[in-house]
């Protein structure tokens, strides 16, 4: 395998030659997520390698970047900021004008690269197509890149994210219901295919956690056809999870009648404690029960088959998808007095003002 070919997770038929040809003939590469498929890692990679990207003819706009990605553009195209997001002052027109100005400063015509999982989650593809047209990029000149991940795994990761960062206070089971359509890949992909045509979509399989030799950042670099030897890869994970006990503590905070931003007050402290949980009394119990896992598998099975047939030419979308797990029912997490004392002591001792 050459360094310019995307890394291949098992059972993934990505057609790397066709993908590179698509990118070579495009004027815009739009990475839309999906959520919890390494989007922040990809965006951090693109920021860290902005100069290398420019040398290879790609522009990753700094003028509208926030949190490594282009989330403000995606959110404003969706109609505005949700209550969990911190708004910025510029309008949609001003963001578009900023990209136009930055494009004009490029020494030669460059392929525009935009990235935010909010495109997939919240934004109408037709609105995105219109914004790109304003920027001078036709749908026929745009490549849309989407990573997908087995729903039974992604719902766990998503629950962790919405509790720790978005103020969600419902149970894991309730979150599966509340975000049911988010993981209907067939329906979501169809909307993007209708706006940009199926031929301009690149669907990739997000590497399983057990596939430690694979890296979604290198995979994305391969899609762009970049020489891996010239690129920088940050060592730390940019979006760390909370272990189950701390997740339950944060969920309790989320039930308080305060704003979402205030609910995240202890975010960094809880993340730090989570990384050291193996040396404490805290535990990381599973979220799934046998019932929830089976329900999720069956809910999306048919749609996954359609995506697999359309974009991969096979019967199943994910490796091992036909297997049925038999995990034991897990018990609700109850934070003991000892655990609560430990967590509260950590928060008090690590307050930024005391360091």
Protein backbone atom coordinates (compact mmCIF):
# COMPACT_ATOMS: atom_id res chain seq x y z
CA UNK A 1 0.00 0.00 0.00
CA UNK A 2 1.38 3.40 -0.92
CA UNK A 3 1.30 6.27 1.52
CA UNK A 4 -1.22 8.08 -0.66
CA UNK A 5 -3.88 5.39 -0.44
CA UNK A 6 -6.48 5.74 2.34
CA UNK A 7 -6.02 3.20 5.11
CA UNK A 8 -8.49 0.39 4.69
CA UNK A 9 -10.52 -0.86 7.65
CA UNK A 10 -11.65 -4.49 7.23
CA UNK A 11 -14.51 -4.97 4.78
CA UNK A 12 -14.22 -1.41 3.49
CA UNK A 13 -14.30 -1.01 -0.28
CA UNK A 14 -13.38 2.63 -0.65
CA UNK A 15 -12.11 2.71 -4.26
CA UNK A 16 -9.13 4.98 -3.40
CA UNK A 17 -8.27 5.67 -7.05
CA UNK A 18 -11.81 6.87 -7.77
CA UNK A 19 -11.82 8.96 -4.59
CA UNK A 20 -8.56 10.71 -5.48
CA UNK A 21 -9.91 11.37 -8.97
CA UNK A 22 -13.01 12.94 -7.45
CA UNK A 23 -10.91 15.23 -5.26
CA UNK A 24 -8.53 16.11 -8.12
CA UNK A 25 -11.44 17.31 -10.24
CA UNK A 26 -13.27 19.10 -7.41
CA UNK A 27 -12.98 22.71 -6.29
CA UNK A 28 -14.43 22.02 -2.82
CA UNK A 29 -14.09 19.15 -0.33
CA UNK A 30 -16.84 19.23 2.29
CA UNK A 31 -16.38 17.01 5.35
CA UNK A 32 -19.74 16.71 7.15
CA UNK A 33 -19.05 14.24 9.97
CA UNK A 34 -21.02 12.26 11.06
CA UNK A 35 -20.88 13.06 14.81
CA UNK A 36 -18.54 10.89 16.90
CA UNK A 37 -16.47 9.71 13.93
CA UNK A 38 -13.27 11.61 14.67
CA UNK A 39 -14.40 14.97 13.24
CA UNK A 40 -12.52 17.02 15.85
CA UNK A 41 -9.38 14.95 15.27
CA UNK A 42 -9.62 15.56 11.53
CA UNK A 43 -10.18 19.27 12.07
CA UNK A 44 -7.26 19.57 14.50
CA UNK A 45 -5.14 17.77 11.90
CA UNK A 46 -6.23 20.21 9.18
CA UNK A 47 -5.41 23.22 11.39
CA UNK A 48 -2.01 21.82 12.36
CA UNK A 49 -1.18 21.17 8.71
CA UNK A 50 -2.69 24.28 7.14
CA UNK A 51 0.62 25.28 5.52
CA UNK A 52 1.15 21.79 4.07
CA UNK A 53 -2.40 21.80 2.76
CA UNK A 54 -1.78 25.14 1.06
CA UNK A 55 1.39 23.79 -0.54
CA UNK A 56 -0.72 20.99 -2.04
CA UNK A 57 -3.39 23.35 -3.32
CA UNK A 58 -5.93 23.17 -0.46
CA UNK A 59 -7.37 26.06 1.56
CA UNK A 60 -8.70 25.28 5.05
CA UNK A 61 -10.14 28.71 5.96
CA UNK A 62 -8.80 30.21 9.19
CA UNK A 63 -11.08 33.24 8.96
CA UNK A 64 -14.18 31.30 10.04
CA UNK A 65 -12.52 28.57 12.11
CA UNK A 66 -13.57 28.04 15.72
CA UNK A 67 -12.77 24.96 17.78
CA UNK A 68 -10.74 23.69 14.78
CA UNK A 69 -13.83 23.46 12.53
CA UNK A 70 -16.29 25.62 10.62
CA UNK A 71 -19.14 25.12 13.05
CA UNK A 72 -20.47 28.67 12.94
CA UNK A 73 -21.04 28.41 9.20
CA UNK A 74 -22.91 25.13 9.64
CA UNK A 75 -25.01 26.42 12.54
CA UNK A 76 -26.00 29.65 10.82
CA UNK A 77 -26.91 27.70 7.69
CA UNK A 78 -29.17 25.60 9.91
CA UNK A 79 -31.05 28.70 11.05
CA UNK A 80 -29.19 29.78 14.18
CA UNK A 81 -27.43 28.67 17.33
CA UNK A 82 -28.93 25.96 19.57
CA UNK A 83 -29.03 26.67 23.31
CA UNK A 84 -25.91 24.58 23.99
CA UNK A 85 -23.74 26.56 21.56
CA UNK A 86 -21.90 29.80 22.29
CA UNK A 87 -22.76 32.24 19.49
CA UNK A 88 -20.34 34.60 17.79
CA UNK A 89 -21.17 38.06 16.46
CA UNK A 90 -20.78 37.66 12.70
CA UNK A 91 -23.72 37.01 10.39
CA UNK A 92 -23.88 34.28 7.76
CA UNK A 93 -23.16 36.82 5.03
CA UNK A 94 -20.12 38.06 6.93
CA UNK A 95 -18.76 34.53 7.29
CA UNK A 96 -19.17 33.94 3.57
CA UNK A 97 -17.48 37.26 2.81
CA UNK A 98 -14.57 36.26 5.06
CA UNK A 99 -14.07 33.02 3.12
CA UNK A 100 -14.21 34.91 -0.18
CA UNK A 101 -11.59 37.38 1.06
CA UNK A 102 -9.31 34.59 2.29
CA UNK A 103 -9.69 32.77 -1.02
CA UNK A 104 -8.58 35.85 -2.92
CA UNK A 105 -5.42 36.04 -0.82
CA UNK A 106 -4.35 32.54 -1.85
CA UNK A 107 -1.36 32.68 -4.24
CA UNK A 108 -3.21 30.51 -6.76
CA UNK A 109 -6.67 28.90 -7.05
CA UNK A 110 -7.01 26.40 -4.21
CA UNK A 111 -9.48 23.66 -3.41
CA UNK A 112 -11.68 24.79 -0.53
CA UNK A 113 -11.87 22.38 2.44
CA UNK A 114 -14.69 22.86 4.95
CA UNK A 115 -15.45 20.68 7.97
CA UNK A 116 -18.08 20.41 10.69
CA UNK A 117 -20.17 17.52 11.95
CA UNK A 118 -22.97 20.04 12.33
CA UNK A 119 -23.40 19.96 8.56
CA UNK A 120 -24.59 16.35 8.88
CA UNK A 121 -26.45 16.83 12.14
CA UNK A 122 -28.29 20.12 11.75
CA UNK A 123 -27.95 21.64 8.28
CA UNK A 124 -30.16 21.19 5.23
CA UNK A 125 -27.94 20.01 2.34
CA UNK A 126 -29.79 22.33 -0.04
CA UNK A 127 -28.81 25.31 2.13
CA UNK A 128 -25.19 24.12 2.08
CA UNK A 129 -25.31 23.78 -1.70
CA UNK A 130 -26.61 27.35 -1.98
CA UNK A 131 -23.86 28.73 0.26
CA UNK A 132 -21.19 26.94 -1.75
CA UNK A 133 -22.67 28.33 -4.95
CA UNK A 134 -22.32 31.82 -3.45
CA UNK A 135 -18.67 31.00 -2.84
CA UNK A 136 -18.30 29.94 -6.48
CA UNK A 137 -18.45 26.16 -6.02
CA UNK A 138 -21.09 24.24 -7.94
CA UNK A 139 -22.53 20.98 -6.66
CA UNK A 140 -20.87 19.28 -9.64
CA UNK A 141 -17.51 20.58 -8.40
CA UNK A 142 -18.00 19.55 -4.75
CA UNK A 143 -17.05 16.31 -3.02
CA UNK A 144 -18.89 15.46 0.22
CA UNK A 145 -17.01 13.20 2.66
CA UNK A 146 -18.93 11.33 5.35
CA UNK A 147 -17.72 8.81 7.93
CA UNK A 148 -20.18 6.31 9.38
CA UNK A 149 -19.84 4.10 12.44
CA UNK A 150 -21.89 1.14 13.71
CA UNK A 151 -24.95 2.60 15.40
CA UNK A 152 -24.68 0.37 18.46
CA UNK A 153 -21.30 1.98 19.20
CA UNK A 154 -22.00 5.52 18.09
CA UNK A 155 -25.08 5.92 20.32
CA UNK A 156 -22.87 5.27 23.36
CA UNK A 157 -20.29 7.83 22.28
CA UNK A 158 -23.00 10.33 21.39
CA UNK A 159 -24.67 9.98 24.79
CA UNK A 160 -21.35 10.75 26.45
CA UNK A 161 -20.98 13.84 24.28
CA UNK A 162 -24.44 15.32 24.80
CA UNK A 163 -24.32 14.79 28.58
CA UNK A 164 -20.85 16.23 29.07
CA UNK A 165 -21.12 19.14 26.60
CA UNK A 166 -24.74 19.90 25.73
CA UNK A 167 -26.58 19.69 29.04
CA UNK A 168 -28.59 16.58 28.22
CA UNK A 169 -30.17 15.07 31.35
CA UNK A 170 -32.11 12.10 30.01
CA UNK A 171 -31.23 8.44 30.37
CA UNK A 172 -29.22 6.49 27.82
CA UNK A 173 -32.38 4.70 26.71
CA UNK A 174 -34.19 8.03 26.24
CA UNK A 175 -31.32 9.42 24.17
CA UNK A 176 -31.66 6.53 21.71
CA UNK A 177 -35.27 7.56 21.14
CA UNK A 178 -34.59 11.31 21.10
CA UNK A 179 -31.86 11.02 18.45
CA UNK A 180 -33.32 8.13 16.50
CA UNK A 181 -33.17 9.80 13.06
CA UNK A 182 -29.60 11.04 13.54
CA UNK A 183 -28.23 7.55 12.96
CA UNK A 184 -30.51 6.63 10.06
CA UNK A 185 -27.63 6.71 7.59
CA UNK A 186 -29.79 5.76 4.63
CA UNK A 187 -32.13 8.72 5.11
CA UNK A 188 -29.35 11.20 5.87
CA UNK A 189 -27.16 10.10 2.96
CA UNK A 190 -30.12 10.25 0.59
CA UNK A 191 -30.64 13.94 1.41
CA UNK A 192 -26.99 14.73 0.61
CA UNK A 193 -27.10 12.58 -2.51
CA UNK A 194 -30.17 14.47 -3.71
CA UNK A 195 -28.34 17.78 -3.26
CA UNK A 196 -24.90 16.77 -4.62
CA UNK A 197 -25.60 13.47 -6.50
CA UNK A 198 -24.49 10.06 -5.19
CA UNK A 199 -21.41 10.12 -7.42
CA UNK A 200 -20.00 13.06 -5.46
CA UNK A 201 -20.32 11.42 -2.05
CA UNK A 202 -17.41 9.59 -0.44
CA UNK A 203 -18.70 7.32 2.32
CA UNK A 204 -16.05 5.94 4.67
CA UNK A 205 -16.20 3.46 7.54
CA UNK A 206 -14.89 4.92 10.79
CA UNK A 207 -12.20 2.64 12.24
CA UNK A 208 -13.30 0.46 15.12
CA UNK A 209 -11.68 1.21 18.48
CA UNK A 210 -9.93 -2.16 18.36
CA UNK A 211 -8.22 -1.22 15.06
CA UNK A 212 -5.45 0.70 16.75
CA UNK A 213 -3.26 0.69 13.64
CA UNK A 214 -5.83 2.79 11.78
CA UNK A 215 -6.20 6.53 12.06
CA UNK A 216 -9.11 8.56 10.70
CA UNK A 217 -6.78 11.54 10.16
CA UNK A 218 -4.47 9.55 7.92
CA UNK A 219 -7.49 8.14 6.16
CA UNK A 220 -8.74 11.65 5.38
CA UNK A 221 -5.26 12.72 4.27
CA UNK A 222 -5.28 9.74 1.92
CA UNK A 223 -8.56 10.87 0.40
CA UNK A 224 -6.95 14.23 -0.31
CA UNK A 225 -3.94 12.45 -1.79
CA UNK A 226 -1.48 14.04 0.64
CA UNK A 227 2.02 12.74 1.25
CA UNK A 228 1.90 11.38 4.80
CA UNK A 229 5.61 12.01 5.44
CA UNK A 230 5.12 15.79 5.41
CA UNK A 231 2.21 15.93 7.84
CA UNK A 232 1.90 16.47 11.60
CA UNK A 233 -0.33 14.40 13.88
CA UNK A 234 -1.09 15.59 17.40
CA UNK A 235 -0.51 12.99 20.11
CA UNK A 236 -3.38 13.87 22.42
CA UNK A 237 -7.04 13.12 21.81
CA UNK A 238 -8.94 16.40 21.29
CA UNK A 239 -12.34 15.17 22.51
CA UNK A 240 -12.07 12.91 25.54
CA UNK A 241 -14.96 11.02 27.12
CA UNK A 242 -16.18 10.79 30.70
CA UNK A 243 -16.23 7.44 32.44
CA UNK A 244 -19.67 6.24 33.53
CA UNK A 245 -19.58 7.42 37.16
CA UNK A 246 -18.51 10.92 36.13
CA UNK A 247 -21.04 10.90 33.32
CA UNK A 248 -23.76 10.22 35.87
CA UNK A 249 -22.41 13.05 38.05
CA UNK A 250 -22.56 15.43 35.07
CA UNK A 251 -26.07 14.21 34.21
CA UNK A 252 -27.15 15.14 37.75
CA UNK A 253 -25.74 18.64 37.30
CA UNK A 254 -27.64 18.88 34.01
CA UNK A 255 -30.92 18.49 35.88
CA UNK A 256 -30.34 21.77 37.71
CA UNK A 257 -32.30 24.84 36.48
CA UNK A 258 -29.22 26.64 35.12
CA UNK A 259 -27.96 27.48 31.63
CA UNK A 260 -26.14 24.95 29.47
CA UNK A 261 -22.87 26.85 29.56
CA UNK A 262 -22.98 26.98 33.37
CA UNK A 263 -23.62 23.22 33.45
CA UNK A 264 -20.21 22.76 31.79
CA UNK A 265 -18.46 24.61 34.60
CA UNK A 266 -16.53 21.54 35.78
CA UNK A 267 -15.97 20.08 32.32
CA UNK A 268 -12.16 20.23 32.24
CA UNK A 269 -11.84 19.02 35.82
CA UNK A 270 -14.09 16.02 35.21
CA UNK A 271 -12.21 15.14 32.02
CA UNK A 272 -8.92 15.25 33.93
CA UNK A 273 -10.30 13.04 36.70
CA UNK A 274 -11.76 10.65 34.14
CA UNK A 275 -8.30 10.08 32.66
CA UNK A 276 -7.05 9.00 36.11
CA UNK A 277 -10.08 6.94 37.10
CA UNK A 278 -8.16 3.66 37.16
CA UNK A 279 -6.34 4.87 40.26
CA UNK A 280 -9.52 5.88 42.10
CA UNK A 281 -12.78 4.36 43.31
CA UNK A 282 -14.60 5.41 40.14
CA UNK A 283 -15.94 2.87 37.66
CA UNK A 284 -16.78 2.79 33.97
CA UNK A 285 -19.86 0.58 33.71
CA UNK A 286 -21.31 -0.12 30.23
CA UNK A 287 -24.27 1.84 28.92
CA UNK A 288 -25.85 -0.83 26.74
CA UNK A 289 -28.09 -3.60 27.93
CA UNK A 290 -28.84 -6.60 25.77
CA UNK A 291 -32.21 -5.01 24.94
CA UNK A 292 -30.86 -1.62 23.89
CA UNK A 293 -28.08 -3.14 21.81
CA UNK A 294 -30.47 -5.48 20.01
CA UNK A 295 -33.01 -2.71 19.43
CA UNK A 296 -30.40 -0.44 17.85
CA UNK A 297 -29.04 -3.21 15.64
CA UNK A 298 -32.48 -4.14 14.36
CA UNK A 299 -33.67 -0.55 13.96
CA UNK A 300 -30.98 0.37 11.39
CA UNK A 301 -30.27 -3.01 9.82
CA UNK A 302 -32.32 -2.60 6.65
CA UNK A 303 -31.15 0.94 5.96
CA UNK A 304 -27.53 -0.13 6.45
CA UNK A 305 -28.03 -2.85 3.85
CA UNK A 306 -29.24 -0.30 1.33
CA UNK A 307 -26.23 1.96 1.96
CA UNK A 308 -23.89 -1.03 1.70
CA UNK A 309 -25.37 -2.08 -1.62
CA UNK A 310 -25.40 1.44 -3.09
CA UNK A 311 -21.97 2.67 -2.01
CA UNK A 312 -19.93 -0.46 -1.31
CA UNK A 313 -21.47 -3.16 -3.49
CA UNK A 314 -21.95 -5.64 -0.66
CA UNK A 315 -24.66 -6.93 1.68
CA UNK A 316 -23.55 -5.47 5.02
CA UNK A 317 -22.22 -2.03 5.84
CA UNK A 318 -20.04 -2.89 8.84
CA UNK A 319 -17.78 -5.86 9.55
CA UNK A 320 -19.48 -8.29 11.91
CA UNK A 321 -22.81 -6.53 11.51
CA UNK A 322 -24.72 -9.82 11.32
CA UNK A 323 -23.43 -10.85 14.75
CA UNK A 324 -25.73 -10.43 17.72
CA UNK A 325 -24.16 -9.48 21.03
CA UNK A 326 -25.42 -10.95 24.27
CA UNK A 327 -24.09 -8.50 26.83
CA UNK A 328 -25.48 -8.90 30.31
CA UNK A 329 -28.03 -6.34 31.52
CA UNK A 330 -26.21 -3.56 33.33
CA UNK A 331 -27.49 -1.96 36.50
CA UNK A 332 -28.23 1.79 36.84
CA UNK A 333 -25.31 3.75 38.21
CA UNK A 334 -25.74 4.87 41.81
CA UNK A 335 -23.07 7.24 43.06
CA UNK A 336 -22.12 6.23 46.59
CA UNK A 337 -21.21 8.70 49.31
CA UNK A 338 -17.57 7.70 48.88
CA UNK A 339 -17.63 8.39 45.14
CA UNK A 340 -19.41 11.70 45.56
CA UNK A 341 -16.90 12.74 48.21
CA UNK A 342 -14.04 11.88 45.89
CA UNK A 343 -15.51 13.81 42.96
CA UNK A 344 -16.37 16.90 45.01
CA UNK A 345 -12.96 16.86 46.70
CA UNK A 346 -11.29 16.76 43.29
CA UNK A 347 -13.37 19.70 42.04
CA UNK A 348 -12.55 21.79 45.11
CA UNK A 349 -8.85 20.96 45.04
CA UNK A 350 -8.42 21.64 41.32
CA UNK A 351 -10.32 24.91 41.03
CA UNK A 352 -8.33 27.10 38.60
CA UNK A 353 -8.15 29.93 41.14
CA UNK A 354 -6.39 27.70 43.66
CA UNK A 355 -3.62 26.49 41.37
